[in-house]
Amino acid sequence: MIYADKVTFYSNDENDWTWETIDQIHLNSDDSSISSGWYDKADVYDFIENQYKVIKVDIYPYPKLIGDISSNYDKFVKSENDNTASDNLVELGRNGKK
């Protein structure tokens, strides 16, 4: 399984943190085709959309990441909706896992 366990943002201001402002994502992987380490969000998008990898956020209930394209045609990822108030991927930063 591959888990996203840390994130960095373009801004240090927590008020600006959204899934669109994530810069890099740290993956913890036991998949031999993807090494554990830091990846650009566009690379994580490619893992999901082009290599059909399942990547989950390392926060309960462990939602899957899904790829999306912004209105500026930038690749990014966000977590599946799990009826929480905010995106679990963004919460990795708020929970000190950055």
N, C-alpha and C. Protein backbone atom coordinates (compact mmCIF):
# COMPACT_ATOMS: atom_id res chain seq x y z
N MET A 1 0.85 -1.18 0.00
CA MET A 1 0.00 0.00 0.00
C MET A 1 0.90 1.24 0.00
N ILE A 2 0.37 2.30 -0.57
CA ILE A 2 1.08 3.58 -0.61
C ILE A 2 0.25 4.59 0.16
N TYR A 3 0.89 5.29 1.09
CA TYR A 3 0.22 6.31 1.89
C TYR A 3 0.89 7.66 1.71
N ALA A 4 0.08 8.69 1.59
CA ALA A 4 0.56 10.07 1.68
C ALA A 4 0.59 10.40 3.17
N ASP A 5 1.80 10.69 3.69
CA ASP A 5 1.89 10.90 5.13
C ASP A 5 2.40 12.28 5.54
N LYS A 6 2.83 13.09 4.57
CA LYS A 6 3.28 14.46 4.85
C LYS A 6 3.03 15.31 3.62
N VAL A 7 2.86 16.61 3.83
CA VAL A 7 2.69 17.54 2.71
C VAL A 7 3.45 18.83 3.00
N THR A 8 3.83 19.52 1.93
CA THR A 8 4.33 20.88 2.04
C THR A 8 3.45 21.76 1.17
N PHE A 9 3.38 23.03 1.55
CA PHE A 9 2.54 23.98 0.83
C PHE A 9 3.40 25.09 0.25
N TYR A 10 2.87 25.78 -0.76
CA TYR A 10 3.57 26.93 -1.33
C TYR A 10 3.66 28.07 -0.32
N SER A 11 2.71 28.15 0.58
CA SER A 11 2.63 29.24 1.56
C SER A 11 2.82 28.69 2.97
N ASN A 12 3.44 29.49 3.83
CA ASN A 12 3.55 29.13 5.24
C ASN A 12 2.31 29.53 6.03
N ASP A 13 1.43 30.32 5.42
CA ASP A 13 0.22 30.80 6.09
C ASP A 13 -0.86 29.72 6.01
N GLU A 14 -1.18 29.16 7.16
CA GLU A 14 -2.14 28.05 7.22
C GLU A 14 -3.50 28.43 6.62
N ASN A 15 -3.85 29.71 6.63
CA ASN A 15 -5.12 30.15 6.05
C ASN A 15 -5.16 29.96 4.54
N ASP A 16 -4.00 29.86 3.92
CA ASP A 16 -3.91 29.68 2.47
C ASP A 16 -3.87 28.21 2.05
N TRP A 17 -3.87 27.28 3.00
CA TRP A 17 -3.70 25.87 2.68
C TRP A 17 -4.98 25.26 2.12
N THR A 18 -4.89 24.78 0.89
CA THR A 18 -5.95 24.01 0.24
C THR A 18 -5.26 22.91 -0.57
N TRP A 19 -6.05 22.02 -1.13
CA TRP A 19 -5.43 20.99 -1.96
C TRP A 19 -4.77 21.60 -3.19
N GLU A 20 -5.22 22.78 -3.63
CA GLU A 20 -4.60 23.43 -4.78
C GLU A 20 -3.25 24.06 -4.44
N THR A 21 -3.01 24.39 -3.16
CA THR A 21 -1.75 25.05 -2.77
C THR A 21 -0.73 24.06 -2.21
N ILE A 22 -1.01 22.77 -2.28
CA ILE A 22 -0.01 21.78 -1.89
C ILE A 22 1.12 21.80 -2.92
N ASP A 23 2.34 21.78 -2.43
CA ASP A 23 3.52 21.79 -3.29
C ASP A 23 4.02 20.37 -3.50
N GLN A 24 4.38 19.69 -2.40
CA GLN A 24 4.90 18.34 -2.49
C GLN A 24 4.19 17.43 -1.50
N ILE A 25 4.23 16.15 -1.82
CA ILE A 25 3.59 15.12 -1.00
C ILE A 25 4.61 14.03 -0.72
N HIS A 26 4.73 13.67 0.55
CA HIS A 26 5.62 12.57 0.92
C HIS A 26 4.82 11.27 0.90
N LEU A 27 5.36 10.29 0.18
CA LEU A 27 4.71 8.99 0.09
C LEU A 27 5.52 7.96 0.87
N ASN A 28 4.81 7.14 1.63
CA ASN A 28 5.39 6.01 2.33
C ASN A 28 4.88 4.77 1.60
N SER A 29 5.79 4.06 0.94
CA SER A 29 5.37 3.02 0.00
C SER A 29 6.02 1.68 0.28
N ASP A 30 5.22 0.63 0.18
CA ASP A 30 5.78 -0.72 0.14
C ASP A 30 5.62 -1.31 -1.27
N ASP A 31 5.24 -0.45 -2.23
CA ASP A 31 5.11 -0.83 -3.64
C ASP A 31 6.49 -0.71 -4.29
N SER A 32 6.98 -1.77 -4.86
CA SER A 32 8.34 -1.78 -5.41
C SER A 32 8.52 -0.83 -6.59
N SER A 33 7.44 -0.39 -7.21
CA SER A 33 7.57 0.50 -8.37
C SER A 33 7.61 1.98 -7.98
N ILE A 34 7.33 2.30 -6.71
CA ILE A 34 7.37 3.69 -6.24
C ILE A 34 8.13 3.71 -4.92
N SER A 35 9.22 4.45 -4.89
CA SER A 35 10.02 4.56 -3.66
C SER A 35 9.37 5.53 -2.70
N SER A 36 9.57 5.30 -1.41
CA SER A 36 9.14 6.28 -0.41
C SER A 36 9.96 7.55 -0.60
N GLY A 37 9.31 8.70 -0.43
CA GLY A 37 10.01 9.97 -0.57
C GLY A 37 9.06 11.09 -0.96
N TRP A 38 9.64 12.26 -1.20
CA TRP A 38 8.87 13.46 -1.57
C TRP A 38 8.65 13.52 -3.07
N TYR A 39 7.41 13.88 -3.47
CA TYR A 39 7.05 13.98 -4.88
C TYR A 39 6.24 15.25 -5.11
N ASP A 40 6.43 15.84 -6.28
CA ASP A 40 5.61 16.95 -6.71
C ASP A 40 4.17 16.46 -6.87
N LYS A 41 3.21 17.33 -6.59
CA LYS A 41 1.81 16.89 -6.67
C LYS A 41 1.44 16.42 -8.08
N ALA A 42 2.07 16.97 -9.12
CA ALA A 42 1.80 16.53 -10.49
C ALA A 42 2.29 15.10 -10.70
N ASP A 43 3.40 14.73 -10.07
CA ASP A 43 3.90 13.37 -10.17
C ASP A 43 2.95 12.39 -9.48
N VAL A 44 2.40 12.80 -8.32
CA VAL A 44 1.44 11.95 -7.61
C VAL A 44 0.19 11.80 -8.47
N TYR A 45 -0.24 12.87 -9.11
CA TYR A 45 -1.37 12.80 -10.05
C TYR A 45 -1.09 11.73 -11.11
N ASP A 46 0.12 11.76 -11.68
CA ASP A 46 0.47 10.79 -12.73
C ASP A 46 0.47 9.36 -12.20
N PHE A 47 0.94 9.16 -10.97
CA PHE A 47 0.90 7.81 -10.38
C PHE A 47 -0.54 7.29 -10.35
N ILE A 48 -1.47 8.17 -9.97
CA ILE A 48 -2.86 7.77 -9.82
C ILE A 48 -3.56 7.61 -11.17
N GLU A 49 -3.41 8.61 -12.01
CA GLU A 49 -4.16 8.64 -13.27
C GLU A 49 -3.52 7.84 -14.40
N ASN A 50 -2.19 7.77 -14.44
CA ASN A 50 -1.52 7.11 -15.56
C ASN A 50 -0.97 5.73 -15.23
N GLN A 51 -0.61 5.52 -13.95
CA GLN A 51 -0.08 4.21 -13.55
C GLN A 51 -1.10 3.43 -12.72
N TYR A 52 -2.26 4.02 -12.50
CA TYR A 52 -3.38 3.36 -11.80
C TYR A 52 -3.00 2.88 -10.40
N LYS A 53 -2.20 3.69 -9.70
CA LYS A 53 -1.81 3.36 -8.33
C LYS A 53 -2.89 3.86 -7.37
N VAL A 54 -3.10 3.12 -6.30
CA VAL A 54 -4.00 3.54 -5.23
C VAL A 54 -3.13 4.12 -4.13
N ILE A 55 -3.38 5.39 -3.82
CA ILE A 55 -2.64 6.08 -2.76
C ILE A 55 -3.67 6.59 -1.77
N LYS A 56 -3.44 6.32 -0.50
CA LYS A 56 -4.37 6.74 0.55
C LYS A 56 -3.71 7.75 1.47
N VAL A 57 -4.53 8.62 2.07
CA VAL A 57 -4.06 9.58 3.05
C VAL A 57 -3.89 8.85 4.38
N ASP A 58 -2.78 9.10 5.05
CA ASP A 58 -2.47 8.40 6.30
C ASP A 58 -3.16 9.06 7.50
N ILE A 59 -4.45 9.30 7.36
CA ILE A 59 -5.32 9.79 8.43
C ILE A 59 -6.63 9.01 8.31
N TYR A 60 -7.13 8.51 9.44
CA TYR A 60 -8.41 7.79 9.43
C TYR A 60 -9.49 8.68 8.85
N PRO A 61 -10.32 8.21 7.97
CA PRO A 61 -10.59 6.83 7.54
C PRO A 61 -9.78 6.39 6.32
N TYR A 62 -8.62 6.99 6.10
CA TYR A 62 -7.70 6.61 5.04
C TYR A 62 -8.33 6.71 3.64
N PRO A 63 -8.83 7.92 3.30
CA PRO A 63 -9.44 8.07 1.97
C PRO A 63 -8.40 7.99 0.86
N LYS A 64 -8.84 7.55 -0.31
CA LYS A 64 -7.97 7.49 -1.47
C LYS A 64 -7.75 8.90 -2.02
N LEU A 65 -6.59 9.10 -2.64
CA LEU A 65 -6.35 10.33 -3.38
C LEU A 65 -6.96 10.19 -4.76
N ILE A 66 -7.47 11.30 -5.26
CA ILE A 66 -8.01 11.33 -6.61
C ILE A 66 -7.34 12.49 -7.36
N GLY A 67 -7.11 12.28 -8.63
CA GLY A 67 -6.48 13.30 -9.46
C GLY A 67 -7.51 14.26 -10.01
N ASP A 68 -7.05 15.50 -10.23
CA ASP A 68 -7.92 16.52 -10.81
C ASP A 68 -7.05 17.52 -11.57
N ILE A 69 -7.68 18.32 -12.40
CA ILE A 69 -7.00 19.36 -13.17
C ILE A 69 -7.64 20.70 -12.82
N SER A 70 -6.80 21.69 -12.50
CA SER A 70 -7.33 23.01 -12.15
C SER A 70 -7.79 23.76 -13.40
N SER A 71 -8.42 24.91 -13.19
CA SER A 71 -8.86 25.73 -14.33
C SER A 71 -7.67 26.27 -15.13
N ASN A 72 -6.48 26.26 -14.51
CA ASN A 72 -5.24 26.66 -15.21
C ASN A 72 -4.51 25.47 -15.81
N TYR A 73 -5.17 24.31 -15.82
CA TYR A 73 -4.64 23.07 -16.37
C TYR A 73 -3.45 22.53 -15.57
N ASP A 74 -3.40 22.83 -14.27
CA ASP A 74 -2.39 22.27 -13.38
C ASP A 74 -2.91 20.96 -12.81
N LYS A 75 -2.05 19.95 -12.76
CA LYS A 75 -2.40 18.67 -12.15
C LYS A 75 -2.29 18.79 -10.63
N PHE A 76 -3.24 18.22 -9.91
CA PHE A 76 -3.16 18.17 -8.47
C PHE A 76 -3.95 16.97 -7.98
N VAL A 77 -3.86 16.71 -6.68
CA VAL A 77 -4.62 15.61 -6.07
C VAL A 77 -5.32 16.12 -4.83
N LYS A 78 -6.38 15.43 -4.48
CA LYS A 78 -7.12 15.71 -3.25
C LYS A 78 -7.67 14.39 -2.75
N SER A 79 -8.14 14.37 -1.51
CA SER A 79 -8.67 13.12 -0.99
C SER A 79 -10.14 12.99 -1.33
N GLU A 80 -10.59 11.73 -1.41
CA GLU A 80 -12.01 11.46 -1.64
C GLU A 80 -12.82 12.07 -0.51
N ASN A 81 -14.02 12.48 -0.84
CA ASN A 81 -14.92 13.02 0.17
C ASN A 81 -15.27 11.92 1.17
N ASP A 82 -15.08 12.24 2.45
CA ASP A 82 -15.41 11.27 3.49
C ASP A 82 -16.29 11.90 4.57
N ASN A 83 -17.04 12.92 4.17
CA ASN A 83 -17.97 13.61 5.07
C ASN A 83 -17.29 14.32 6.23
N THR A 84 -16.01 14.71 6.06
CA THR A 84 -15.35 15.55 7.05
C THR A 84 -15.37 16.98 6.55
N ALA A 85 -15.08 17.91 7.45
CA ALA A 85 -15.19 19.33 7.11
C ALA A 85 -14.10 19.80 6.16
N SER A 86 -12.96 19.14 6.16
CA SER A 86 -11.87 19.58 5.28
C SER A 86 -11.21 18.38 4.61
N ASP A 87 -10.39 18.67 3.64
CA ASP A 87 -9.70 17.63 2.89
C ASP A 87 -8.64 16.98 3.79
N ASN A 88 -8.65 15.66 3.88
CA ASN A 88 -7.70 14.96 4.74
C ASN A 88 -6.26 15.15 4.31
N LEU A 89 -6.01 15.32 3.04
CA LEU A 89 -4.65 15.57 2.57
C LEU A 89 -4.13 16.89 3.14
N VAL A 90 -4.97 17.93 3.13
CA VAL A 90 -4.60 19.22 3.71
C VAL A 90 -4.39 19.08 5.21
N GLU A 91 -5.20 18.25 5.84
CA GLU A 91 -5.09 18.04 7.29
C GLU A 91 -3.74 17.45 7.70
N LEU A 92 -3.05 16.77 6.79
CA LEU A 92 -1.72 16.27 7.13
C LEU A 92 -0.82 17.42 7.57
N GLY A 93 -0.94 18.56 6.91
CA GLY A 93 -0.15 19.74 7.29
C GLY A 93 -0.58 20.30 8.62
N ARG A 94 -1.87 20.35 8.87
CA ARG A 94 -2.38 20.91 10.12
C ARG A 94 -2.09 20.00 11.31
N ASN A 95 -1.94 18.73 11.07
CA ASN A 95 -1.66 17.77 12.15
C ASN A 95 -0.18 17.62 12.42
N GLY A 96 0.63 18.53 11.89
CA GLY A 96 2.07 18.50 12.17
C GLY A 96 2.85 17.54 11.32
N LYS A 97 2.24 16.92 10.33
CA LYS A 97 2.93 15.99 9.46
C LYS A 97 3.37 16.72 8.19
N LYS A 98 4.16 17.76 8.39
CA LYS A 98 4.62 18.51 7.21
C LYS A 98 6.12 18.63 7.21
